Amino acid sequence: MQGIKGCVFEVRQGYKSKDSKRQNADIANAANAYVHKYMPVIILFSTQIDSDVAKRYKERHWIILTGTKNGSSTESTYVFCRDVIGYDLANFFEHRSADIKKLVKDLLETLLSPEERV
């Protein structure tokens, strides 16, 4: 694609859904991005994506970055972050894992607490 201005990112933990409404909306968003000379990219923090969904998106010229620490910057979320953005996101998660788990646990305990909320 000539004259590309940049990328637009759809960022998700994973993509397991086969919901055609969601897929069609994503594909429409990608078409809109291309009209405005942006390349659509899905960034997944995990490797969870249904192979049929991935195939459909790739056929519509999406770039799909999955949550692997190996591969190229056009395949791996973490390699892309390290090599293109210049930030080692995998290292961040590895070193902050205990803190993140504690924050999520505390949040869930607060949200699920039977105590009266004001």
PDB file of N, CA and C in Angstrom:
ATOM      1  N   MET A   1       0.852  -1.182   0.000  1.00  0.00           N
ATOM      2  CA  MET A   1       0.000   0.000   0.000  1.00  0.00           C
ATOM      3  C   MET A   1       0.895   1.241   0.000  1.00  0.00           C
ATOM      4  N   GLN A   2       0.744   2.062  -0.975  1.00  0.00           N
ATOM      5  CA  GLN A   2       1.561   3.267  -1.072  1.00  0.00           C
ATOM      6  C   GLN A   2       0.965   4.399  -0.256  1.00  0.00           C
ATOM      7  N   GLY A   3       1.830   5.216   0.302  1.00  0.00           N
ATOM      8  CA  GLY A   3       1.384   6.392   1.036  1.00  0.00           C
ATOM      9  C   GLY A   3       0.792   6.099   2.392  1.00  0.00           C
ATOM     10  N   ILE A   4       1.136   4.963   2.977  1.00  0.00           N
ATOM     11  CA  ILE A   4       0.575   4.623   4.288  1.00  0.00           C
ATOM     12  C   ILE A   4       1.051   5.637   5.329  1.00  0.00           C
ATOM     13  N   LYS A   5       0.113   6.074   6.159  1.00  0.00           N
ATOM     14  CA  LYS A   5       0.412   7.064   7.195  1.00  0.00           C
ATOM     15  C   LYS A   5       0.847   6.421   8.500  1.00  0.00           C
ATOM     16  N   GLY A   6       0.382   5.203   8.763  1.00  0.00           N
ATOM     17  CA  GLY A   6       0.685   4.539  10.022  1.00  0.00           C
ATOM     18  C   GLY A   6      -0.231   3.356  10.234  1.00  0.00           C
ATOM     19  N   CYS A   7      -0.410   3.011  11.486  1.00  0.00           N
ATOM     20  CA  CYS A   7      -1.230   1.851  11.851  1.00  0.00           C
ATOM     21  C   CYS A   7      -2.321   2.259  12.838  1.00  0.00           C
ATOM     22  N   VAL A   8      -3.396   1.499  12.818  1.00  0.00           N
ATOM     23  CA  VAL A   8      -4.408   1.592  13.868  1.00  0.00           C
ATOM     24  C   VAL A   8      -4.419   0.237  14.570  1.00  0.00           C
ATOM     25  N   PHE A   9      -4.545   0.276  15.881  1.00  0.00           N
ATOM     26  CA  PHE A   9      -4.417  -0.943  16.669  1.00  0.00           C
ATOM     27  C   PHE A   9      -5.716  -1.303  17.362  1.00  0.00           C
ATOM     28  N   GLU A  10      -6.044  -2.571  17.289  1.00  0.00           N
ATOM     29  CA  GLU A  10      -7.106  -3.190  18.078  1.00  0.00           C
ATOM     30  C   GLU A  10      -6.365  -4.034  19.097  1.00  0.00           C
ATOM     31  N   VAL A  11      -6.454  -3.674  20.363  1.00  0.00           N
ATOM     32  CA  VAL A  11      -5.673  -4.337  21.403  1.00  0.00           C
ATOM     33  C   VAL A  11      -6.602  -5.196  22.251  1.00  0.00           C
ATOM     34  N   ARG A  12      -6.253  -6.479  22.383  1.00  0.00           N
ATOM     35  CA  ARG A  12      -7.083  -7.411  23.150  1.00  0.00           C
ATOM     36  C   ARG A  12      -6.211  -8.405  23.903  1.00  0.00           C
ATOM     37  N   GLN A  13      -6.770  -8.948  24.956  1.00  0.00           N
ATOM     38  CA  GLN A  13      -6.078  -9.993  25.710  1.00  0.00           C
ATOM     39  C   GLN A  13      -5.963 -11.232  24.825  1.00  0.00           C
ATOM     40  N   GLY A  14      -7.028 -11.592  24.186  1.00  0.00           N
ATOM     41  CA  GLY A  14      -7.091 -12.737  23.285  1.00  0.00           C
ATOM     42  C   GLY A  14      -8.284 -12.555  22.376  1.00  0.00           C
ATOM     43  N   TYR A  15      -8.443 -13.463  21.428  1.00  0.00           N
ATOM     44  CA  TYR A  15      -9.567 -13.353  20.502  1.00  0.00           C
ATOM     45  C   TYR A  15     -10.075 -14.750  20.218  1.00  0.00           C
ATOM     46  N   LYS A  16     -10.980 -15.221  21.072  1.00  0.00           N
ATOM     47  CA  LYS A  16     -11.508 -16.570  20.911  1.00  0.00           C
ATOM     48  C   LYS A  16     -12.896 -16.579  20.277  1.00  0.00           C
ATOM     49  N   SER A  17     -13.524 -15.424  20.237  1.00  0.00           N
ATOM     50  CA  SER A  17     -14.905 -15.355  19.774  1.00  0.00           C
ATOM     51  C   SER A  17     -15.021 -15.640  18.280  1.00  0.00           C
ATOM     52  N   LYS A  18     -16.072 -16.354  17.934  1.00  0.00           N
ATOM     53  CA  LYS A  18     -16.408 -16.553  16.525  1.00  0.00           C
ATOM     54  C   LYS A  18     -17.656 -15.745  16.184  1.00  0.00           C
ATOM     55  N   ASP A  19     -17.919 -14.727  16.966  1.00  0.00           N
ATOM     56  CA  ASP A  19     -19.082 -13.870  16.776  1.00  0.00           C
ATOM     57  C   ASP A  19     -18.962 -13.122  15.448  1.00  0.00           C
ATOM     58  N   SER A  20     -19.825 -13.457  14.497  1.00  0.00           N
ATOM     59  CA  SER A  20     -19.733 -12.859  13.165  1.00  0.00           C
ATOM     60  C   SER A  20     -20.010 -11.360  13.193  1.00  0.00           C
ATOM     61  N   LYS A  21     -20.857 -10.910  14.104  1.00  0.00           N
ATOM     62  CA  LYS A  21     -21.132  -9.474  14.218  1.00  0.00           C
ATOM     63  C   LYS A  21     -19.852  -8.726  14.605  1.00  0.00           C
ATOM     64  N   ARG A  22     -19.105  -9.261  15.569  1.00  0.00           N
ATOM     65  CA  ARG A  22     -17.826  -8.651  15.991  1.00  0.00           C
ATOM     66  C   ARG A  22     -16.821  -8.663  14.849  1.00  0.00           C
ATOM     67  N   GLN A  23     -16.730  -9.804  14.166  1.00  0.00           N
ATOM     68  CA  GLN A  23     -15.792  -9.918  13.051  1.00  0.00           C
ATOM     69  C   GLN A  23     -16.142  -8.937  11.937  1.00  0.00           C
ATOM     70  N   ASN A  24     -17.416  -8.852  11.602  1.00  0.00           N
ATOM     71  CA  ASN A  24     -17.826  -7.936  10.536  1.00  0.00           C
ATOM     72  C   ASN A  24     -17.539  -6.485  10.906  1.00  0.00           C
ATOM     73  N   ALA A  25     -17.727  -6.133  12.168  1.00  0.00           N
ATOM     74  CA  ALA A  25     -17.412  -4.773  12.620  1.00  0.00           C
ATOM     75  C   ALA A  25     -15.908  -4.523  12.522  1.00  0.00           C
ATOM     76  N   ASP A  26     -15.103  -5.506  12.919  1.00  0.00           N
ATOM     77  CA  ASP A  26     -13.651  -5.363  12.811  1.00  0.00           C
ATOM     78  C   ASP A  26     -13.225  -5.202  11.355  1.00  0.00           C
ATOM     79  N   ILE A  27     -13.799  -5.991  10.481  1.00  0.00           N
ATOM     80  CA  ILE A  27     -13.449  -5.928   9.057  1.00  0.00           C
ATOM     81  C   ILE A  27     -13.874  -4.587   8.457  1.00  0.00           C
ATOM     82  N   ALA A  28     -15.035  -4.087   8.864  1.00  0.00           N
ATOM     83  CA  ALA A  28     -15.479  -2.761   8.405  1.00  0.00           C
ATOM     84  C   ALA A  28     -14.529  -1.674   8.905  1.00  0.00           C
ATOM     85  N   ASN A  29     -14.081  -1.803  10.164  1.00  0.00           N
ATOM     86  CA  ASN A  29     -13.118  -0.845  10.704  1.00  0.00           C
ATOM     87  C   ASN A  29     -11.808  -0.893   9.926  1.00  0.00           C
ATOM     88  N   ALA A  30     -11.388  -2.085   9.545  1.00  0.00           N
ATOM     89  CA  ALA A  30     -10.154  -2.232   8.768  1.00  0.00           C
ATOM     90  C   ALA A  30     -10.295  -1.576   7.405  1.00  0.00           C
ATOM     91  N   ALA A  31     -11.439  -1.769   6.771  1.00  0.00           N
ATOM     92  CA  ALA A  31     -11.669  -1.142   5.465  1.00  0.00           C
ATOM     93  C   ALA A  31     -11.614   0.379   5.588  1.00  0.00           C
ATOM     94  N   ASN A  32     -12.204   0.892   6.650  1.00  0.00           N
ATOM     95  CA  ASN A  32     -12.172   2.338   6.900  1.00  0.00           C
ATOM     96  C   ASN A  32     -10.737   2.816   7.137  1.00  0.00           C
ATOM     97  N   ALA A  33      -9.971   2.033   7.869  1.00  0.00           N
ATOM     98  CA  ALA A  33      -8.563   2.392   8.109  1.00  0.00           C
ATOM     99  C   ALA A  33      -7.800   2.466   6.790  1.00  0.00           C
ATOM    100  N   TYR A  34      -7.996   1.482   5.924  1.00  0.00           N
ATOM    101  CA  TYR A  34      -7.309   1.481   4.631  1.00  0.00           C
ATOM    102  C   TYR A  34      -7.703   2.680   3.776  1.00  0.00           C
ATOM    103  N   VAL A  35      -8.974   3.055   3.800  1.00  0.00           N
ATOM    104  CA  VAL A  35      -9.423   4.225   3.042  1.00  0.00           C
ATOM    105  C   VAL A  35      -8.649   5.466   3.470  1.00  0.00           C
ATOM    106  N   HIS A  36      -8.330   5.538   4.762  1.00  0.00           N
ATOM    107  CA  HIS A  36      -7.600   6.690   5.302  1.00  0.00           C
ATOM    108  C   HIS A  36      -6.090   6.448   5.363  1.00  0.00           C
ATOM    109  N   LYS A  37      -5.646   5.380   4.679  1.00  0.00           N
ATOM    110  CA  LYS A  37      -4.224   5.043   4.538  1.00  0.00           C
ATOM    111  C   LYS A  37      -3.546   4.616   5.843  1.00  0.00           C
ATOM    112  N   TYR A  38      -4.296   3.886   6.663  1.00  0.00           N
ATOM    113  CA  TYR A  38      -3.743   3.286   7.872  1.00  0.00           C
ATOM    114  C   TYR A  38      -3.856   1.772   7.775  1.00  0.00           C
ATOM    115  N   MET A  39      -2.869   1.084   8.296  1.00  0.00           N
ATOM    116  CA  MET A  39      -2.867  -0.373   8.289  1.00  0.00           C
ATOM    117  C   MET A  39      -3.475  -0.890   9.598  1.00  0.00           C
ATOM    118  N   PRO A  40      -4.472  -1.783   9.524  1.00  0.00           N
ATOM    119  CA  PRO A  40      -5.072  -2.332  10.750  1.00  0.00           C
ATOM    120  C   PRO A  40      -4.219  -3.455  11.341  1.00  0.00           C
ATOM    121  N   VAL A  41      -4.030  -3.376  12.660  1.00  0.00           N
ATOM    122  CA  VAL A  41      -3.209  -4.354  13.371  1.00  0.00           C
ATOM    123  C   VAL A  41      -3.960  -4.790  14.626  1.00  0.00           C
ATOM    124  N   ILE A  42      -4.049  -6.098  14.833  1.00  0.00           N
ATOM    125  CA  ILE A  42      -4.588  -6.630  16.080  1.00  0.00           C
ATOM    126  C   ILE A  42      -3.397  -7.016  16.956  1.00  0.00           C
ATOM    127  N   ILE A  43      -3.364  -6.458  18.154  1.00  0.00           N
ATOM    128  CA  ILE A  43      -2.330  -6.815  19.126  1.00  0.00           C
ATOM    129  C   ILE A  43      -2.991  -7.679  20.193  1.00  0.00           C
ATOM    130  N   LEU A  44      -2.516  -8.910  20.302  1.00  0.00           N
ATOM    131  CA  LEU A  44      -3.013  -9.838  21.319  1.00  0.00           C
ATOM    132  C   LEU A  44      -1.931 -10.053  22.363  1.00  0.00           C
ATOM    133  N   PHE A  45      -2.317 -10.004  23.634  1.00  0.00           N
ATOM    134  CA  PHE A  45      -1.367 -10.254  24.709  1.00  0.00           C
ATOM    135  C   PHE A  45      -1.182 -11.740  24.953  1.00  0.00           C
ATOM    136  N   SER A  46      -2.035 -12.560  24.366  1.00  0.00           N
ATOM    137  CA  SER A  46      -1.914 -14.009  24.480  1.00  0.00           C
ATOM    138  C   SER A  46      -1.840 -14.582  23.069  1.00  0.00           C
ATOM    139  N   THR A  47      -1.825 -15.892  22.995  1.00  0.00           N
ATOM    140  CA  THR A  47      -1.814 -16.549  21.683  1.00  0.00           C
ATOM    141  C   THR A  47      -3.217 -17.020  21.294  1.00  0.00           C
ATOM    142  N   GLN A  48      -4.225 -16.602  22.058  1.00  0.00           N
ATOM    143  CA  GLN A  48      -5.589 -17.078  21.840  1.00  0.00           C
ATOM    144  C   GLN A  48      -6.252 -16.353  20.675  1.00  0.00           C
ATOM    145  N   ILE A  49      -6.295 -17.037  19.537  1.00  0.00           N
ATOM    146  CA  ILE A  49      -7.108 -16.577  18.420  1.00  0.00           C
ATOM    147  C   ILE A  49      -7.493 -17.815  17.623  1.00  0.00           C
ATOM    148  N   ASP A  50      -8.754 -17.918  17.326  1.00  0.00           N
ATOM    149  CA  ASP A  50      -9.263 -19.035  16.546  1.00  0.00           C
ATOM    150  C   ASP A  50      -8.628 -18.993  15.153  1.00  0.00           C
ATOM    151  N   SER A  51      -8.187 -20.138  14.659  1.00  0.00           N
ATOM    152  CA  SER A  51      -7.493 -20.167  13.366  1.00  0.00           C
ATOM    153  C   SER A  51      -8.380 -19.700  12.216  1.00  0.00           C
ATOM    154  N   ASP A  52      -9.687 -19.996  12.267  1.00  0.00           N
ATOM    155  CA  ASP A  52     -10.595 -19.524  11.212  1.00  0.00           C
ATOM    156  C   ASP A  52     -10.723 -18.002  11.230  1.00  0.00           C
ATOM    157  N   VAL A  53     -10.791 -17.431  12.432  1.00  0.00           N
ATOM    158  CA  VAL A  53     -10.886 -15.980  12.572  1.00  0.00           C
ATOM    159  C   VAL A  53      -9.590 -15.340  12.084  1.00  0.00           C
ATOM    160  N   ALA A  54      -8.459 -15.900  12.484  1.00  0.00           N
ATOM    161  CA  ALA A  54      -7.168 -15.360  12.051  1.00  0.00           C
ATOM    162  C   ALA A  54      -7.052 -15.398  10.532  1.00  0.00           C
ATOM    163  N   LYS A  55      -7.464 -16.494   9.935  1.00  0.00           N
ATOM    164  CA  LYS A  55      -7.407 -16.625   8.472  1.00  0.00           C
ATOM    165  C   LYS A  55      -8.281 -15.566   7.810  1.00  0.00           C
ATOM    166  N   ARG A  56      -9.493 -15.391   8.331  1.00  0.00           N
ATOM    167  CA  ARG A  56     -10.415 -14.404   7.758  1.00  0.00           C
ATOM    168  C   ARG A  56      -9.833 -12.989   7.844  1.00  0.00           C
ATOM    169  N   TYR A  57      -9.247 -12.653   8.976  1.00  0.00           N
ATOM    170  CA  TYR A  57      -8.668 -11.323   9.156  1.00  0.00           C
ATOM    171  C   TYR A  57      -7.460 -11.133   8.240  1.00  0.00           C
ATOM    172  N   LYS A  58      -6.614 -12.137   8.161  1.00  0.00           N
ATOM    173  CA  LYS A  58      -5.439 -12.029   7.289  1.00  0.00           C
ATOM    174  C   LYS A  58      -5.851 -11.875   5.831  1.00  0.00           C
ATOM    175  N   GLU A  59      -6.925 -12.554   5.435  1.00  0.00           N
ATOM    176  CA  GLU A  59      -7.439 -12.390   4.068  1.00  0.00           C
ATOM    177  C   GLU A  59      -7.916 -10.963   3.816  1.00  0.00           C
ATOM    178  N   ARG A  60      -8.303 -10.267   4.880  1.00  0.00           N
ATOM    179  CA  ARG A  60      -8.749  -8.867   4.779  1.00  0.00           C
ATOM    180  C   ARG A  60      -7.589  -7.905   5.090  1.00  0.00           C
ATOM    181  N   HIS A  61      -6.364  -8.438   5.046  1.00  0.00           N
ATOM    182  CA  HIS A  61      -5.121  -7.653   5.163  1.00  0.00           C
ATOM    183  C   HIS A  61      -4.860  -7.063   6.546  1.00  0.00           C
ATOM    184  N   TRP A  62      -5.349  -7.728   7.576  1.00  0.00           N
ATOM    185  CA  TRP A  62      -4.977  -7.357   8.933  1.00  0.00           C
ATOM    186  C   TRP A  62      -3.591  -7.923   9.219  1.00  0.00           C
ATOM    187  N   ILE A  63      -2.833  -7.235  10.046  1.00  0.00           N
ATOM    188  CA  ILE A  63      -1.630  -7.815  10.638  1.00  0.00           C
ATOM    189  C   ILE A  63      -2.058  -8.286  12.025  1.00  0.00           C
ATOM    190  N   ILE A  64      -1.702  -9.507  12.369  1.00  0.00           N
ATOM    191  CA  ILE A  64      -2.071 -10.060  13.673  1.00  0.00           C
ATOM    192  C   ILE A  64      -0.791 -10.341  14.458  1.00  0.00           C
ATOM    193  N   LEU A  65      -0.629  -9.632  15.561  1.00  0.00           N
ATOM    194  CA  LEU A  65       0.499  -9.850  16.458  1.00  0.00           C
ATOM    195  C   LEU A  65      -0.003 -10.657  17.641  1.00  0.00           C
ATOM    196  N   THR A  66       0.614 -11.800  17.886  1.00  0.00           N
ATOM    197  CA  THR A  66       0.172 -12.639  19.000  1.00  0.00           C
ATOM    198  C   THR A  66       1.164 -12.565  20.150  1.00  0.00           C
ATOM    199  N   GLY A  67       0.724 -12.998  21.313  1.00  0.00           N
ATOM    200  CA  GLY A  67       1.483 -12.865  22.547  1.00  0.00           C
ATOM    201  C   GLY A  67       2.601 -13.860  22.717  1.00  0.00           C
ATOM    202  N   THR A  68       3.468 -13.952  21.736  1.00  0.00           N
ATOM    203  CA  THR A  68       4.659 -14.785  21.861  1.00  0.00           C
ATOM    204  C   THR A  68       5.872 -13.884  22.092  1.00  0.00           C
ATOM    205  N   LYS A  69       6.914 -14.450  22.660  1.00  0.00           N
ATOM    206  CA  LYS A  69       8.133 -13.669  22.880  1.00  0.00           C
ATOM    207  C   LYS A  69       9.156 -13.916  21.776  1.00  0.00           C
ATOM    208  N   ASN A  70       8.820 -14.774  20.825  1.00  0.00           N
ATOM    209  CA  ASN A  70       9.712 -15.099  19.714  1.00  0.00           C
ATOM    210  C   ASN A  70       9.036 -14.772  18.394  1.00  0.00           C
ATOM    211  N   GLY A  71       9.830 -14.670  17.362  1.00  0.00           N
ATOM    212  CA  GLY A  71       9.298 -14.379  16.042  1.00  0.00           C
ATOM    213  C   GLY A  71       9.722 -12.991  15.595  1.00  0.00           C
ATOM    214  N   SER A  72       9.045 -12.511  14.585  1.00  0.00           N
ATOM    215  CA  SER A  72       9.389 -11.206  14.022  1.00  0.00           C
ATOM    216  C   SER A  72       8.481 -10.121  14.591  1.00  0.00           C
ATOM    217  N   SER A  73       8.811  -8.893  14.290  1.00  0.00           N
ATOM    218  CA  SER A  73       8.001  -7.765  14.762  1.00  0.00           C
ATOM    219  C   SER A  73       6.677  -7.660  14.018  1.00  0.00           C
ATOM    220  N   THR A  74       6.466  -8.481  12.991  1.00  0.00           N
ATOM    221  CA  THR A  74       5.168  -8.522  12.310  1.00  0.00           C
ATOM    222  C   THR A  74       4.359  -9.753  12.702  1.00  0.00           C
ATOM    223  N   GLU A  75       4.856 -10.498  13.717  1.00  0.00           N
ATOM    224  CA  GLU A  75       4.157 -11.691  14.201  1.00  0.00           C
ATOM    225  C   GLU A  75       3.912 -11.658  15.703  1.00  0.00           C
ATOM    226  N   SER A  76       4.834 -11.086  16.445  1.00  0.00           N
ATOM    227  CA  SER A  76       4.817 -11.155  17.900  1.00  0.00           C
ATOM    228  C   SER A  76       4.573  -9.785  18.533  1.00  0.00           C
ATOM    229  N   THR A  77       3.584  -9.729  19.419  1.00  0.00           N
ATOM    230  CA  THR A  77       3.304  -8.500  20.168  1.00  0.00           C
ATOM    231  C   THR A  77       4.533  -8.038  20.934  1.00  0.00           C
ATOM    232  N   TYR A  78       5.186  -8.967  21.610  1.00  0.00           N
ATOM    233  CA  TYR A  78       6.290  -8.590  22.485  1.00  0.00           C
ATOM    234  C   TYR A  78       7.551  -8.216  21.711  1.00  0.00           C
ATOM    235  N   VAL A  79       7.793  -8.864  20.573  1.00  0.00           N
ATOM    236  CA  VAL A  79       8.917  -8.474  19.718  1.00  0.00           C
ATOM    237  C   VAL A  79       8.636  -7.106  19.103  1.00  0.00           C
ATOM    238  N   PHE A  80       7.396  -6.887  18.670  1.00  0.00           N
ATOM    239  CA  PHE A  80       7.016  -5.583  18.119  1.00  0.00           C
ATOM    240  C   PHE A  80       7.259  -4.475  19.139  1.00  0.00           C
ATOM    241  N   CYS A  81       6.783  -4.689  20.358  1.00  0.00           N
ATOM    242  CA  CYS A  81       6.970  -3.668  21.399  1.00  0.00           C
ATOM    243  C   CYS A  81       8.449  -3.406  21.659  1.00  0.00           C
ATOM    244  N   ARG A  82       9.229  -4.465  21.737  1.00  0.00           N
ATOM    245  CA  ARG A  82      10.662  -4.318  22.025  1.00  0.00           C
ATOM    246  C   ARG A  82      11.417  -3.659  20.864  1.00  0.00           C
ATOM    247  N   ASP A  83      11.205  -4.171  19.635  1.00  0.00           N
ATOM    248  CA  ASP A  83      12.017  -3.741  18.503  1.00  0.00           C
ATOM    249  C   ASP A  83      11.498  -2.490  17.797  1.00  0.00           C
ATOM    250  N   VAL A  84      10.191  -2.288  17.789  1.00  0.00           N
ATOM    251  CA  VAL A  84       9.627  -1.138  17.068  1.00  0.00           C
ATOM    252  C   VAL A  84       9.351   0.029  18.011  1.00  0.00           C
ATOM    253  N   ILE A  85       8.691  -0.251  19.123  1.00  0.00           N
ATOM    254  CA  ILE A  85       8.347   0.811  20.064  1.00  0.00           C
ATOM    255  C   ILE A  85       9.531   1.146  20.968  1.00  0.00           C
ATOM    256  N   GLY A  86      10.374   0.150  21.228  1.00  0.00           N
ATOM    257  CA  GLY A  86      11.531   0.376  22.088  1.00  0.00           C
ATOM    258  C   GLY A  86      11.232   0.170  23.560  1.00  0.00           C
ATOM    259  N   TYR A  87      10.201  -0.629  23.855  1.00  0.00           N
ATOM    260  CA  TYR A  87       9.852  -0.915  25.243  1.00  0.00           C
ATOM    261  C   TYR A  87       9.675  -2.417  25.396  1.00  0.00           C
ATOM    262  N   ASP A  88      10.355  -2.997  26.369  1.00  0.00           N
ATOM    263  CA  ASP A  88      10.292  -4.435  26.589  1.00  0.00           C
ATOM    264  C   ASP A  88       9.082  -4.774  27.462  1.00  0.00           C
ATOM    265  N   LEU A  89       7.933  -4.913  26.823  1.00  0.00           N
ATOM    266  CA  LEU A  89       6.676  -5.181  27.518  1.00  0.00           C
ATOM    267  C   LEU A  89       6.687  -6.548  28.196  1.00  0.00           C
ATOM    268  N   ALA A  90       7.297  -7.535  27.551  1.00  0.00           N
ATOM    269  CA  ALA A  90       7.378  -8.871  28.167  1.00  0.00           C
ATOM    270  C   ALA A  90       8.148  -8.788  29.480  1.00  0.00           C
ATOM    271  N   ASN A  91       9.241  -8.060  29.493  1.00  0.00           N
ATOM    272  CA  ASN A  91      10.036  -7.887  30.709  1.00  0.00           C
ATOM    273  C   ASN A  91       9.221  -7.169  31.788  1.00  0.00           C
ATOM    274  N   PHE A  92       8.460  -6.166  31.383  1.00  0.00           N
ATOM    275  CA  PHE A  92       7.598  -5.459  32.334  1.00  0.00           C
ATOM    276  C   PHE A  92       6.636  -6.432  33.007  1.00  0.00           C
ATOM    277  N   PHE A  93       5.934  -7.241  32.203  1.00  0.00           N
ATOM    278  CA  PHE A  93       4.977  -8.194  32.770  1.00  0.00           C
ATOM    279  C   PHE A  93       5.675  -9.231  33.655  1.00  0.00           C
ATOM    280  N   GLU A  94       6.842  -9.695  33.222  1.00  0.00           N
ATOM    281  CA  GLU A  94       7.565 -10.690  34.014  1.00  0.00           C
ATOM    282  C   GLU A  94       7.964 -10.123  35.381  1.00  0.00           C
ATOM    283  N   HIS A  95       8.431  -8.889  35.403  1.00  0.00           N
ATOM    284  CA  HIS A  95       8.889  -8.294  36.661  1.00  0.00           C
ATOM    285  C   HIS A  95       7.753  -7.738  37.518  1.00  0.00           C
ATOM    286  N   ARG A  96       6.619  -7.484  36.941  1.00  0.00           N
ATOM    287  CA  ARG A  96       5.496  -6.907  37.681  1.00  0.00           C
ATOM    288  C   ARG A  96       4.353  -7.895  37.888  1.00  0.00           C
ATOM    289  N   SER A  97       4.568  -9.140  37.539  1.00  0.00           N
ATOM    290  CA  SER A  97       3.521 -10.154  37.612  1.00  0.00           C
ATOM    291  C   SER A  97       2.892 -10.254  38.998  1.00  0.00           C
ATOM    292  N   ALA A  98       3.696 -10.317  40.033  1.00  0.00           N
ATOM    293  CA  ALA A  98       3.166 -10.441  41.402  1.00  0.00           C
ATOM    294  C   ALA A  98       2.344  -9.215  41.776  1.00  0.00           C
ATOM    295  N   ASP A  99       2.824  -8.022  41.418  1.00  0.00           N
ATOM    296  CA  ASP A  99       2.087  -6.785  41.712  1.00  0.00           C
ATOM    297  C   ASP A  99       0.747  -6.746  40.980  1.00  0.00           C
ATOM    298  N   ILE A 100       0.761  -7.143  39.707  1.00  0.00           N
ATOM    299  CA  ILE A 100      -0.466  -7.130  38.905  1.00  0.00           C
ATOM    300  C   ILE A 100      -1.473  -8.129  39.473  1.00  0.00           C
ATOM    301  N   LYS A 101      -1.007  -9.319  39.820  1.00  0.00           N
ATOM    302  CA  LYS A 101      -1.891 -10.335  40.399  1.00  0.00           C
ATOM    303  C   LYS A 101      -2.515  -9.836  41.703  1.00  0.00           C
ATOM    304  N   LYS A 102      -1.716  -9.184  42.545  1.00  0.00           N
ATOM    305  CA  LYS A 102      -2.227  -8.660  43.817  1.00  0.00           C
ATOM    306  C   LYS A 102      -3.278  -7.575  43.572  1.00  0.00           C
ATOM    307  N   LEU A 103      -3.012  -6.668  42.648  1.00  0.00           N
ATOM    308  CA  LEU A 103      -3.979  -5.607  42.335  1.00  0.00           C
ATOM    309  C   LEU A 103      -5.298  -6.185  41.826  1.00  0.00           C
ATOM    310  N   VAL A 104      -5.212  -7.160  40.938  1.00  0.00           N
ATOM    311  CA  VAL A 104      -6.430  -7.784  40.401  1.00  0.00           C
ATOM    312  C   VAL A 104      -7.173  -8.522  41.501  1.00  0.00           C
ATOM    313  N   LYS A 105      -6.450  -9.264  42.330  1.00  0.00           N
ATOM    314  CA  LYS A 105      -7.072  -9.993  43.446  1.00  0.00           C
ATOM    315  C   LYS A 105      -7.786  -9.027  44.389  1.00  0.00           C
ATOM    316  N   ASP A 106      -7.097  -7.935  44.772  1.00  0.00           N
ATOM    317  CA  ASP A 106      -7.700  -6.944  45.676  1.00  0.00           C
ATOM    318  C   ASP A 106      -8.936  -6.300  45.051  1.00  0.00           C
ATOM    319  N   LEU A 107      -8.852  -5.989  43.780  1.00  0.00           N
ATOM    320  CA  LEU A 107      -9.990  -5.384  43.075  1.00  0.00           C
ATOM    321  C   LEU A 107     -11.180  -6.337  43.051  1.00  0.00           C
ATOM    322  N   LEU A 108     -10.927  -7.593  42.706  1.00  0.00           N
ATOM    323  CA  LEU A 108     -12.017  -8.570  42.656  1.00  0.00           C
ATOM    324  C   LEU A 108     -12.629  -8.803  44.032  1.00  0.00           C
ATOM    325  N   GLU A 109     -11.797  -8.859  45.052  1.00  0.00           N
ATOM    326  CA  GLU A 109     -12.329  -9.039  46.403  1.00  0.00           C
ATOM    327  C   GLU A 109     -13.210  -7.864  46.794  1.00  0.00           C
ATOM    328  N   THR A 110     -12.816  -6.663  46.425  1.00  0.00           N
ATOM    329  CA  THR A 110     -13.621  -5.475  46.726  1.00  0.00           C
ATOM    330  C   THR A 110     -14.939  -5.506  45.957  1.00  0.00           C
ATOM    331  N   LEU A 111     -14.858  -5.823  44.675  1.00  0.00           N
ATOM    332  CA  LEU A 111     -16.061  -5.843  43.846  1.00  0.00           C
ATOM    333  C   LEU A 111     -17.033  -6.940  44.242  1.00  0.00           C
ATOM    334  N   LEU A 112     -16.507  -8.061  44.687  1.00  0.00           N
ATOM    335  CA  LEU A 112     -17.354  -9.205  45.027  1.00  0.00           C
ATOM    336  C   LEU A 112     -17.702  -9.277  46.507  1.00  0.00           C
ATOM    337  N   SER A 113     -17.250  -8.295  47.256  1.00  0.00           N
ATOM    338  CA  SER A 113     -17.507  -8.272  48.686  1.00  0.00           C
ATOM    339  C   SER A 113     -19.005  -8.110  48.942  1.00  0.00           C
ATOM    340  N   PRO A 114     -19.544  -8.888  49.912  1.00  0.00           N
ATOM    341  CA  PRO A 114     -20.978  -8.774  50.219  1.00  0.00           C
ATOM    342  C   PRO A 114     -21.317  -7.504  51.030  1.00  0.00           C
ATOM    343  N   GLU A 115     -20.285  -6.758  51.423  1.00  0.00           N
ATOM    344  CA  GLU A 115     -20.535  -5.553  52.209  1.00  0.00           C
ATOM    345  C   GLU A 115     -21.330  -4.550  51.371  1.00  0.00           C
ATOM    346  N   GLU A 116     -22.087  -3.733  52.079  1.00  0.00           N
ATOM    347  CA  GLU A 116     -22.883  -2.708  51.423  1.00  0.00           C
ATOM    348  C   GLU A 116     -21.966  -1.664  50.806  1.00  0.00           C
ATOM    349  N   ARG A 117     -22.263  -1.322  49.551  1.00  0.00           N
ATOM    350  CA  ARG A 117     -21.478  -0.299  48.870  1.00  0.00           C
ATOM    351  C   ARG A 117     -22.298   0.978  48.830  1.00  0.00           C
ATOM    352  N   VAL A 118     -21.607   2.080  49.013  1.00  0.00           N
ATOM    353  CA  VAL A 118     -22.277   3.398  49.006  1.00  0.00           C
ATOM    354  C   VAL A 118     -22.303   3.939  47.605  1.00  0.00           C
TER     355      VAL A 118
END
